[in-house]
Amino acid sequence: MGKHTNDLTLTQEIAGYCRISFDEELDRDNTSIENQKKIIEEFVKAKFPTCKLSIYEDRDRSGYTFEQREGYQQLSKKLMNGDISVLIVKDFS
């Protein structure tokens, strides 16, 4: 039986998205942008070690509207164009 390989190619880009609102900044240990990035980076390194990871982030942005999130808008364009096929987030809150 052969070794299992990922379906993702070496050149595929994986996107990580991090967001934190002003209120969440008070709980830095659990929700900080840096913590979210670390979790996503470790996951991608373990599961998709040959793929490129790009992180998109929004600080102090509302969770209710996407229009005000610059990082999300950049990410959305790449997702819609098919430039990115995998999106990883720490959580959806």
PDB file of N, CA and C in Angstrom:
ATOM      1  N   MET A   1       0.845  -1.171   0.000  1.00  0.00           N
ATOM      2  CA  MET A   1       0.000   0.000   0.000  1.00  0.00           C
ATOM      3  C   MET A   1       0.893   1.237   0.000  1.00  0.00           C
ATOM      4  N   GLY A   2       0.653   2.198  -0.918  1.00  0.00           N
ATOM      5  CA  GLY A   2       1.466   3.401  -1.040  1.00  0.00           C
ATOM      6  C   GLY A   2       1.204   4.400   0.068  1.00  0.00           C
ATOM      7  N   LYS A   3       2.137   5.313   0.179  1.00  0.00           N
ATOM      8  CA  LYS A   3       2.022   6.374   1.180  1.00  0.00           C
ATOM      9  C   LYS A   3       0.922   7.349   0.763  1.00  0.00           C
ATOM     10  N   HIS A   4       0.080   7.750   1.719  1.00  0.00           N
ATOM     11  CA  HIS A   4      -1.002   8.698   1.456  1.00  0.00           C
ATOM     12  C   HIS A   4      -0.426  10.081   1.187  1.00  0.00           C
ATOM     13  N   THR A   5      -0.912  10.739   0.148  1.00  0.00           N
ATOM     14  CA  THR A   5      -0.457  12.091  -0.168  1.00  0.00           C
ATOM     15  C   THR A   5      -1.649  13.033  -0.213  1.00  0.00           C
ATOM     16  N   ASN A   6      -1.387  14.314  -0.009  1.00  0.00           N
ATOM     17  CA  ASN A   6      -2.430  15.325  -0.104  1.00  0.00           C
ATOM     18  C   ASN A   6      -2.846  15.508  -1.553  1.00  0.00           C
ATOM     19  N   ASP A   7      -4.072  15.948  -1.759  1.00  0.00           N
ATOM     20  CA  ASP A   7      -4.548  16.267  -3.098  1.00  0.00           C
ATOM     21  C   ASP A   7      -4.055  17.641  -3.534  1.00  0.00           C
ATOM     22  N   LEU A   8      -3.556  18.454  -2.604  1.00  0.00           N
ATOM     23  CA  LEU A   8      -3.094  19.792  -2.934  1.00  0.00           C
ATOM     24  C   LEU A   8      -1.702  19.734  -3.538  1.00  0.00           C
ATOM     25  N   THR A   9      -1.472  20.563  -4.532  1.00  0.00           N
ATOM     26  CA  THR A   9      -0.173  20.590  -5.184  1.00  0.00           C
ATOM     27  C   THR A   9       0.762  21.545  -4.460  1.00  0.00           C
ATOM     28  N   LEU A  10       2.032  21.484  -4.807  1.00  0.00           N
ATOM     29  CA  LEU A  10       3.043  22.333  -4.177  1.00  0.00           C
ATOM     30  C   LEU A  10       2.775  23.817  -4.376  1.00  0.00           C
ATOM     31  N   THR A  11       2.132  24.164  -5.461  1.00  0.00           N
ATOM     32  CA  THR A  11       1.961  25.573  -5.778  1.00  0.00           C
ATOM     33  C   THR A  11       0.642  26.154  -5.274  1.00  0.00           C
ATOM     34  N   GLN A  12      -0.228  25.340  -4.735  1.00  0.00           N
ATOM     35  CA  GLN A  12      -1.512  25.871  -4.280  1.00  0.00           C
ATOM     36  C   GLN A  12      -1.343  26.734  -3.047  1.00  0.00           C
ATOM     37  N   GLU A  13      -2.134  27.797  -3.024  1.00  0.00           N
ATOM     38  CA  GLU A  13      -2.102  28.720  -1.894  1.00  0.00           C
ATOM     39  C   GLU A  13      -3.266  28.413  -0.963  1.00  0.00           C
ATOM     40  N   ILE A  14      -2.943  28.344   0.304  1.00  0.00           N
ATOM     41  CA  ILE A  14      -3.945  28.179   1.348  1.00  0.00           C
ATOM     42  C   ILE A  14      -4.066  29.523   2.051  1.00  0.00           C
ATOM     43  N   ALA A  15      -5.287  29.937   2.315  1.00  0.00           N
ATOM     44  CA  ALA A  15      -5.503  31.202   3.001  1.00  0.00           C
ATOM     45  C   ALA A  15      -5.922  30.945   4.436  1.00  0.00           C
ATOM     46  N   GLY A  16      -5.347  31.725   5.327  1.00  0.00           N
ATOM     47  CA  GLY A  16      -5.780  31.740   6.715  1.00  0.00           C
ATOM     48  C   GLY A  16      -6.423  33.087   6.982  1.00  0.00           C
ATOM     49  N   TYR A  17      -7.554  33.099   7.676  1.00  0.00           N
ATOM     50  CA  TYR A  17      -8.231  34.366   7.966  1.00  0.00           C
ATOM     51  C   TYR A  17      -8.371  34.524   9.473  1.00  0.00           C
ATOM     52  N   CYS A  18      -7.959  35.693   9.959  1.00  0.00           N
ATOM     53  CA  CYS A  18      -8.029  36.011  11.379  1.00  0.00           C
ATOM     54  C   CYS A  18      -8.773  37.330  11.545  1.00  0.00           C
ATOM     55  N   ARG A  19      -9.626  37.384  12.541  1.00  0.00           N
ATOM     56  CA  ARG A  19     -10.341  38.622  12.827  1.00  0.00           C
ATOM     57  C   ARG A  19     -10.488  38.766  14.326  1.00  0.00           C
ATOM     58  N   ILE A  20     -10.403  39.998  14.765  1.00  0.00           N
ATOM     59  CA  ILE A  20     -10.628  40.271  16.175  1.00  0.00           C
ATOM     60  C   ILE A  20     -11.317  41.614  16.289  1.00  0.00           C
ATOM     61  N   SER A  21     -12.331  41.671  17.133  1.00  0.00           N
ATOM     62  CA  SER A  21     -13.033  42.928  17.352  1.00  0.00           C
ATOM     63  C   SER A  21     -12.406  43.650  18.533  1.00  0.00           C
ATOM     64  N   PHE A  22     -12.778  44.870  18.715  1.00  0.00           N
ATOM     65  CA  PHE A  22     -12.242  45.660  19.823  1.00  0.00           C
ATOM     66  C   PHE A  22     -12.514  44.986  21.163  1.00  0.00           C
ATOM     67  N   ASP A  23     -13.733  44.472  21.364  1.00  0.00           N
ATOM     68  CA  ASP A  23     -14.093  43.823  22.626  1.00  0.00           C
ATOM     69  C   ASP A  23     -13.266  42.572  22.879  1.00  0.00           C
ATOM     70  N   GLU A  24     -12.940  41.840  21.823  1.00  0.00           N
ATOM     71  CA  GLU A  24     -12.180  40.603  21.976  1.00  0.00           C
ATOM     72  C   GLU A  24     -10.725  40.866  22.329  1.00  0.00           C
ATOM     73  N   GLU A  25     -10.237  42.076  22.027  1.00  0.00           N
ATOM     74  CA  GLU A  25      -8.854  42.422  22.379  1.00  0.00           C
ATOM     75  C   GLU A  25      -8.613  42.266  23.874  1.00  0.00           C
ATOM     76  N   LEU A  26      -9.665  42.404  24.679  1.00  0.00           N
ATOM     77  CA  LEU A  26      -9.531  42.284  26.128  1.00  0.00           C
ATOM     78  C   LEU A  26      -9.190  40.857  26.550  1.00  0.00           C
ATOM     79  N   ASP A  27      -9.551  39.878  25.709  1.00  0.00           N
ATOM     80  CA  ASP A  27      -9.285  38.466  25.995  1.00  0.00           C
ATOM     81  C   ASP A  27      -8.166  37.970  25.083  1.00  0.00           C
ATOM     82  N   ARG A  28      -7.029  38.642  25.118  1.00  0.00           N
ATOM     83  CA  ARG A  28      -5.918  38.390  24.196  1.00  0.00           C
ATOM     84  C   ARG A  28      -5.425  36.951  24.183  1.00  0.00           C
ATOM     85  N   ASP A  29      -5.424  36.262  25.325  1.00  0.00           N
ATOM     86  CA  ASP A  29      -4.849  34.917  25.368  1.00  0.00           C
ATOM     87  C   ASP A  29      -5.588  33.947  24.456  1.00  0.00           C
ATOM     88  N   ASN A  30      -6.890  34.100  24.342  1.00  0.00           N
ATOM     89  CA  ASN A  30      -7.672  33.146  23.559  1.00  0.00           C
ATOM     90  C   ASN A  30      -7.959  33.601  22.139  1.00  0.00           C
ATOM     91  N   THR A  31      -8.037  34.896  21.904  1.00  0.00           N
ATOM     92  CA  THR A  31      -8.534  35.342  20.616  1.00  0.00           C
ATOM     93  C   THR A  31      -7.590  36.254  19.850  1.00  0.00           C
ATOM     94  N   SER A  32      -6.409  36.515  20.335  1.00  0.00           N
ATOM     95  CA  SER A  32      -5.534  37.465  19.665  1.00  0.00           C
ATOM     96  C   SER A  32      -5.229  37.022  18.237  1.00  0.00           C
ATOM     97  N   ILE A  33      -4.963  38.024  17.394  1.00  0.00           N
ATOM     98  CA  ILE A  33      -4.580  37.739  16.011  1.00  0.00           C
ATOM     99  C   ILE A  33      -3.349  36.844  15.990  1.00  0.00           C
ATOM    100  N   GLU A  34      -2.391  37.137  16.854  1.00  0.00           N
ATOM    101  CA  GLU A  34      -1.156  36.351  16.898  1.00  0.00           C
ATOM    102  C   GLU A  34      -1.443  34.893  17.247  1.00  0.00           C
ATOM    103  N   ASN A  35      -2.346  34.656  18.200  1.00  0.00           N
ATOM    104  CA  ASN A  35      -2.714  33.299  18.594  1.00  0.00           C
ATOM    105  C   ASN A  35      -3.418  32.582  17.441  1.00  0.00           C
ATOM    106  N   GLN A  36      -4.333  33.272  16.785  1.00  0.00           N
ATOM    107  CA  GLN A  36      -5.038  32.679  15.652  1.00  0.00           C
ATOM    108  C   GLN A  36      -4.055  32.302  14.542  1.00  0.00           C
ATOM    109  N   LYS A  37      -3.128  33.201  14.230  1.00  0.00           N
ATOM    110  CA  LYS A  37      -2.122  32.930  13.197  1.00  0.00           C
ATOM    111  C   LYS A  37      -1.294  31.705  13.549  1.00  0.00           C
ATOM    112  N   LYS A  38      -0.859  31.619  14.791  1.00  0.00           N
ATOM    113  CA  LYS A  38      -0.028  30.491  15.228  1.00  0.00           C
ATOM    114  C   LYS A  38      -0.767  29.169  15.059  1.00  0.00           C
ATOM    115  N   ILE A  39      -2.025  29.149  15.458  1.00  0.00           N
ATOM    116  CA  ILE A  39      -2.827  27.928  15.340  1.00  0.00           C
ATOM    117  C   ILE A  39      -2.974  27.520  13.873  1.00  0.00           C
ATOM    118  N   ILE A  40      -3.276  28.492  13.016  1.00  0.00           N
ATOM    119  CA  ILE A  40      -3.448  28.210  11.593  1.00  0.00           C
ATOM    120  C   ILE A  40      -2.129  27.765  10.972  1.00  0.00           C
ATOM    121  N   GLU A  41      -1.033  28.464  11.289  1.00  0.00           N
ATOM    122  CA  GLU A  41       0.280  28.100  10.741  1.00  0.00           C
ATOM    123  C   GLU A  41       0.682  26.694  11.136  1.00  0.00           C
ATOM    124  N   GLU A  42       0.467  26.315  12.393  1.00  0.00           N
ATOM    125  CA  GLU A  42       0.823  24.969  12.853  1.00  0.00           C
ATOM    126  C   GLU A  42      -0.018  23.910  12.149  1.00  0.00           C
ATOM    127  N   PHE A  43      -1.303  24.201  11.950  1.00  0.00           N
ATOM    128  CA  PHE A  43      -2.184  23.249  11.272  1.00  0.00           C
ATOM    129  C   PHE A  43      -1.732  23.036   9.830  1.00  0.00           C
ATOM    130  N   VAL A  44      -1.468  24.130   9.121  1.00  0.00           N
ATOM    131  CA  VAL A  44      -1.050  24.027   7.720  1.00  0.00           C
ATOM    132  C   VAL A  44       0.298  23.317   7.614  1.00  0.00           C
ATOM    133  N   LYS A  45       1.215  23.638   8.506  1.00  0.00           N
ATOM    134  CA  LYS A  45       2.536  22.983   8.487  1.00  0.00           C
ATOM    135  C   LYS A  45       2.398  21.474   8.673  1.00  0.00           C
ATOM    136  N   ALA A  46       1.479  21.063   9.548  1.00  0.00           N
ATOM    137  CA  ALA A  46       1.288  19.635   9.821  1.00  0.00           C
ATOM    138  C   ALA A  46       0.527  18.924   8.702  1.00  0.00           C
ATOM    139  N   LYS A  47      -0.493  19.570   8.163  1.00  0.00           N
ATOM    140  CA  LYS A  47      -1.375  18.905   7.198  1.00  0.00           C
ATOM    141  C   LYS A  47      -1.017  19.160   5.740  1.00  0.00           C
ATOM    142  N   PHE A  48      -0.472  20.334   5.444  1.00  0.00           N
ATOM    143  CA  PHE A  48      -0.175  20.719   4.067  1.00  0.00           C
ATOM    144  C   PHE A  48       1.215  21.353   3.997  1.00  0.00           C
ATOM    145  N   PRO A  49       2.252  20.627   4.340  1.00  0.00           N
ATOM    146  CA  PRO A  49       3.590  21.218   4.487  1.00  0.00           C
ATOM    147  C   PRO A  49       4.187  21.790   3.206  1.00  0.00           C
ATOM    148  N   THR A  50       3.685  21.398   2.061  1.00  0.00           N
ATOM    149  CA  THR A  50       4.269  21.877   0.810  1.00  0.00           C
ATOM    150  C   THR A  50       3.519  23.067   0.210  1.00  0.00           C
ATOM    151  N   CYS A  51       2.440  23.473   0.831  1.00  0.00           N
ATOM    152  CA  CYS A  51       1.628  24.554   0.286  1.00  0.00           C
ATOM    153  C   CYS A  51       2.009  25.898   0.886  1.00  0.00           C
ATOM    154  N   LYS A  52       1.772  26.945   0.118  1.00  0.00           N
ATOM    155  CA  LYS A  52       2.026  28.304   0.573  1.00  0.00           C
ATOM    156  C   LYS A  52       0.833  28.787   1.394  1.00  0.00           C
ATOM    157  N   LEU A  53       1.112  29.392   2.541  1.00  0.00           N
ATOM    158  CA  LEU A  53       0.067  29.949   3.395  1.00  0.00           C
ATOM    159  C   LEU A  53       0.136  31.464   3.353  1.00  0.00           C
ATOM    160  N   SER A  54      -1.004  32.082   3.091  1.00  0.00           N
ATOM    161  CA  SER A  54      -1.131  33.534   3.161  1.00  0.00           C
ATOM    162  C   SER A  54      -2.169  33.855   4.227  1.00  0.00           C
ATOM    163  N   ILE A  55      -1.832  34.790   5.095  1.00  0.00           N
ATOM    164  CA  ILE A  55      -2.739  35.175   6.172  1.00  0.00           C
ATOM    165  C   ILE A  55      -3.391  36.505   5.833  1.00  0.00           C
ATOM    166  N   TYR A  56      -4.694  36.553   5.989  1.00  0.00           N
ATOM    167  CA  TYR A  56      -5.480  37.772   5.827  1.00  0.00           C
ATOM    168  C   TYR A  56      -6.089  38.075   7.186  1.00  0.00           C
ATOM    169  N   GLU A  57      -6.123  39.345   7.563  1.00  0.00           N
ATOM    170  CA  GLU A  57      -6.609  39.667   8.903  1.00  0.00           C
ATOM    171  C   GLU A  57      -7.362  40.985   8.924  1.00  0.00           C
ATOM    172  N   ASP A  58      -8.239  41.088   9.894  1.00  0.00           N
ATOM    173  CA  ASP A  58      -8.963  42.325  10.171  1.00  0.00           C
ATOM    174  C   ASP A  58      -8.968  42.534  11.675  1.00  0.00           C
ATOM    175  N   ARG A  59      -8.478  43.688  12.086  1.00  0.00           N
ATOM    176  CA  ARG A  59      -8.465  44.051  13.506  1.00  0.00           C
ATOM    177  C   ARG A  59      -9.520  45.107  13.770  1.00  0.00           C
ATOM    178  N   ASP A  60     -10.167  44.957  14.916  1.00  0.00           N
ATOM    179  CA  ASP A  60     -11.166  45.930  15.363  1.00  0.00           C
ATOM    180  C   ASP A  60     -12.256  46.149  14.327  1.00  0.00           C
ATOM    181  N   ARG A  61     -12.693  45.090  13.694  1.00  0.00           N
ATOM    182  CA  ARG A  61     -13.757  45.190  12.703  1.00  0.00           C
ATOM    183  C   ARG A  61     -14.988  44.449  13.204  1.00  0.00           C
ATOM    184  N   SER A  62     -16.125  44.964  12.824  1.00  0.00           N
ATOM    185  CA  SER A  62     -17.391  44.365  13.218  1.00  0.00           C
ATOM    186  C   SER A  62     -17.537  42.974  12.627  1.00  0.00           C
ATOM    187  N   GLY A  63     -18.152  42.094  13.391  1.00  0.00           N
ATOM    188  CA  GLY A  63     -18.447  40.757  12.907  1.00  0.00           C
ATOM    189  C   GLY A  63     -19.749  40.691  12.139  1.00  0.00           C
ATOM    190  N   TYR A  64     -20.485  41.801  12.095  1.00  0.00           N
ATOM    191  CA  TYR A  64     -21.798  41.815  11.468  1.00  0.00           C
ATOM    192  C   TYR A  64     -21.774  42.146   9.991  1.00  0.00           C
ATOM    193  N   THR A  65     -20.771  42.882   9.542  1.00  0.00           N
ATOM    194  CA  THR A  65     -20.709  43.254   8.133  1.00  0.00           C
ATOM    195  C   THR A  65     -19.355  42.866   7.550  1.00  0.00           C
ATOM    196  N   PHE A  66     -19.389  42.406   6.326  1.00  0.00           N
ATOM    197  CA  PHE A  66     -18.157  42.023   5.644  1.00  0.00           C
ATOM    198  C   PHE A  66     -17.579  43.190   4.843  1.00  0.00           C
ATOM    199  N   GLU A  67     -18.423  44.156   4.492  1.00  0.00           N
ATOM    200  CA  GLU A  67     -17.982  45.260   3.643  1.00  0.00           C
ATOM    201  C   GLU A  67     -16.879  46.085   4.297  1.00  0.00           C
ATOM    202  N   GLN A  68     -16.867  46.193   5.614  1.00  0.00           N
ATOM    203  CA  GLN A  68     -15.891  47.013   6.318  1.00  0.00           C
ATOM    204  C   GLN A  68     -14.577  46.278   6.589  1.00  0.00           C
ATOM    205  N   ARG A  69     -14.498  45.034   6.246  1.00  0.00           N
ATOM    206  CA  ARG A  69     -13.296  44.243   6.518  1.00  0.00           C
ATOM    207  C   ARG A  69     -12.386  44.214   5.294  1.00  0.00           C
ATOM    208  N   GLU A  70     -11.301  44.998   5.331  1.00  0.00           N
ATOM    209  CA  GLU A  70     -10.402  45.070   4.181  1.00  0.00           C
ATOM    210  C   GLU A  70      -9.723  43.738   3.899  1.00  0.00           C
ATOM    211  N   GLY A  71      -9.257  43.064   4.957  1.00  0.00           N
ATOM    212  CA  GLY A  71      -8.599  41.769   4.776  1.00  0.00           C
ATOM    213  C   GLY A  71      -9.527  40.752   4.149  1.00  0.00           C
ATOM    214  N   TYR A  72     -10.773  40.729   4.620  1.00  0.00           N
ATOM    215  CA  TYR A  72     -11.744  39.795   4.056  1.00  0.00           C
ATOM    216  C   TYR A  72     -12.047  40.125   2.598  1.00  0.00           C
ATOM    217  N   GLN A  73     -12.129  41.399   2.266  1.00  0.00           N
ATOM    218  CA  GLN A  73     -12.408  41.794   0.881  1.00  0.00           C
ATOM    219  C   GLN A  73     -11.297  41.323  -0.054  1.00  0.00           C
ATOM    220  N   GLN A  74     -10.030  41.454   0.372  1.00  0.00           N
ATOM    221  CA  GLN A  74      -8.898  40.962  -0.439  1.00  0.00           C
ATOM    222  C   GLN A  74      -8.991  39.453  -0.615  1.00  0.00           C
ATOM    223  N   LEU A  75      -9.277  38.774   0.484  1.00  0.00           N
ATOM    224  CA  LEU A  75      -9.393  37.320   0.473  1.00  0.00           C
ATOM    225  C   LEU A  75     -10.546  36.874  -0.420  1.00  0.00           C
ATOM    226  N   SER A  76     -11.674  37.537  -0.302  1.00  0.00           N
ATOM    227  CA  SER A  76     -12.864  37.177  -1.071  1.00  0.00           C
ATOM    228  C   SER A  76     -12.600  37.224  -2.571  1.00  0.00           C
ATOM    229  N   LYS A  77     -11.898  38.243  -3.029  1.00  0.00           N
ATOM    230  CA  LYS A  77     -11.578  38.352  -4.458  1.00  0.00           C
ATOM    231  C   LYS A  77     -10.751  37.167  -4.929  1.00  0.00           C
ATOM    232  N   LYS A  78      -9.766  36.768  -4.130  1.00  0.00           N
ATOM    233  CA  LYS A  78      -8.921  35.628  -4.512  1.00  0.00           C
ATOM    234  C   LYS A  78      -9.714  34.320  -4.499  1.00  0.00           C
ATOM    235  N   LEU A  79     -10.612  34.174  -3.530  1.00  0.00           N
ATOM    236  CA  LEU A  79     -11.445  32.971  -3.468  1.00  0.00           C
ATOM    237  C   LEU A  79     -12.367  32.906  -4.688  1.00  0.00           C
ATOM    238  N   MET A  80     -12.993  34.019  -5.022  1.00  0.00           N
ATOM    239  CA  MET A  80     -13.927  34.050  -6.149  1.00  0.00           C
ATOM    240  C   MET A  80     -13.206  33.827  -7.484  1.00  0.00           C
ATOM    241  N   ASN A  81     -11.951  34.261  -7.586  1.00  0.00           N
ATOM    242  CA  ASN A  81     -11.168  34.059  -8.806  1.00  0.00           C
ATOM    243  C   ASN A  81     -10.587  32.655  -8.902  1.00  0.00           C
ATOM    244  N   GLY A  82     -10.656  31.887  -7.834  1.00  0.00           N
ATOM    245  CA  GLY A  82     -10.093  30.541  -7.836  1.00  0.00           C
ATOM    246  C   GLY A  82      -8.603  30.507  -7.543  1.00  0.00           C
ATOM    247  N   ASP A  83      -8.047  31.649  -7.119  1.00  0.00           N
ATOM    248  CA  ASP A  83      -6.624  31.696  -6.779  1.00  0.00           C
ATOM    249  C   ASP A  83      -6.321  30.931  -5.497  1.00  0.00           C
ATOM    250  N   ILE A  84      -7.316  30.806  -4.640  1.00  0.00           N
ATOM    251  CA  ILE A  84      -7.181  30.096  -3.369  1.00  0.00           C
ATOM    252  C   ILE A  84      -8.274  29.038  -3.320  1.00  0.00           C
ATOM    253  N   SER A  85      -7.896  27.815  -2.986  1.00  0.00           N
ATOM    254  CA  SER A  85      -8.894  26.748  -2.945  1.00  0.00           C
ATOM    255  C   SER A  85      -9.177  26.252  -1.541  1.00  0.00           C
ATOM    256  N   VAL A  86      -8.374  26.680  -0.567  1.00  0.00           N
ATOM    257  CA  VAL A  86      -8.574  26.256   0.816  1.00  0.00           C
ATOM    258  C   VAL A  86      -8.527  27.485   1.712  1.00  0.00           C
ATOM    259  N   LEU A  87      -9.518  27.604   2.594  1.00  0.00           N
ATOM    260  CA  LEU A  87      -9.572  28.686   3.574  1.00  0.00           C
ATOM    261  C   LEU A  87      -9.631  28.066   4.956  1.00  0.00           C
ATOM    262  N   ILE A  88      -8.760  28.541   5.856  1.00  0.00           N
ATOM    263  CA  ILE A  88      -8.709  28.016   7.215  1.00  0.00           C
ATOM    264  C   ILE A  88      -8.917  29.169   8.186  1.00  0.00           C
ATOM    265  N   VAL A  89      -9.839  28.971   9.128  1.00  0.00           N
ATOM    266  CA  VAL A  89     -10.066  29.947  10.194  1.00  0.00           C
ATOM    267  C   VAL A  89     -10.036  29.213  11.536  1.00  0.00           C
ATOM    268  N   LYS A  90      -9.679  29.932  12.598  1.00  0.00           N
ATOM    269  CA  LYS A  90      -9.657  29.312  13.921  1.00  0.00           C
ATOM    270  C   LYS A  90     -11.074  28.972  14.381  1.00  0.00           C
ATOM    271  N   ASP A  91     -11.990  29.925  14.233  1.00  0.00           N
ATOM    272  CA  ASP A  91     -13.396  29.692  14.526  1.00  0.00           C
ATOM    273  C   ASP A  91     -14.232  30.704  13.781  1.00  0.00           C
ATOM    274  N   PHE A  92     -15.545  30.502  13.778  1.00  0.00           N
ATOM    275  CA  PHE A  92     -16.435  31.352  13.004  1.00  0.00           C
ATOM    276  C   PHE A  92     -17.140  32.411  13.840  1.00  0.00           C
ATOM    277  N   SER A  93     -16.718  32.618  15.061  1.00  0.00           N
ATOM    278  CA  SER A  93     -17.403  33.602  15.906  1.00  0.00           C
ATOM    279  C   SER A  93     -17.110  35.012  15.469  1.00  0.00           C
TER     280      SER A  93
END
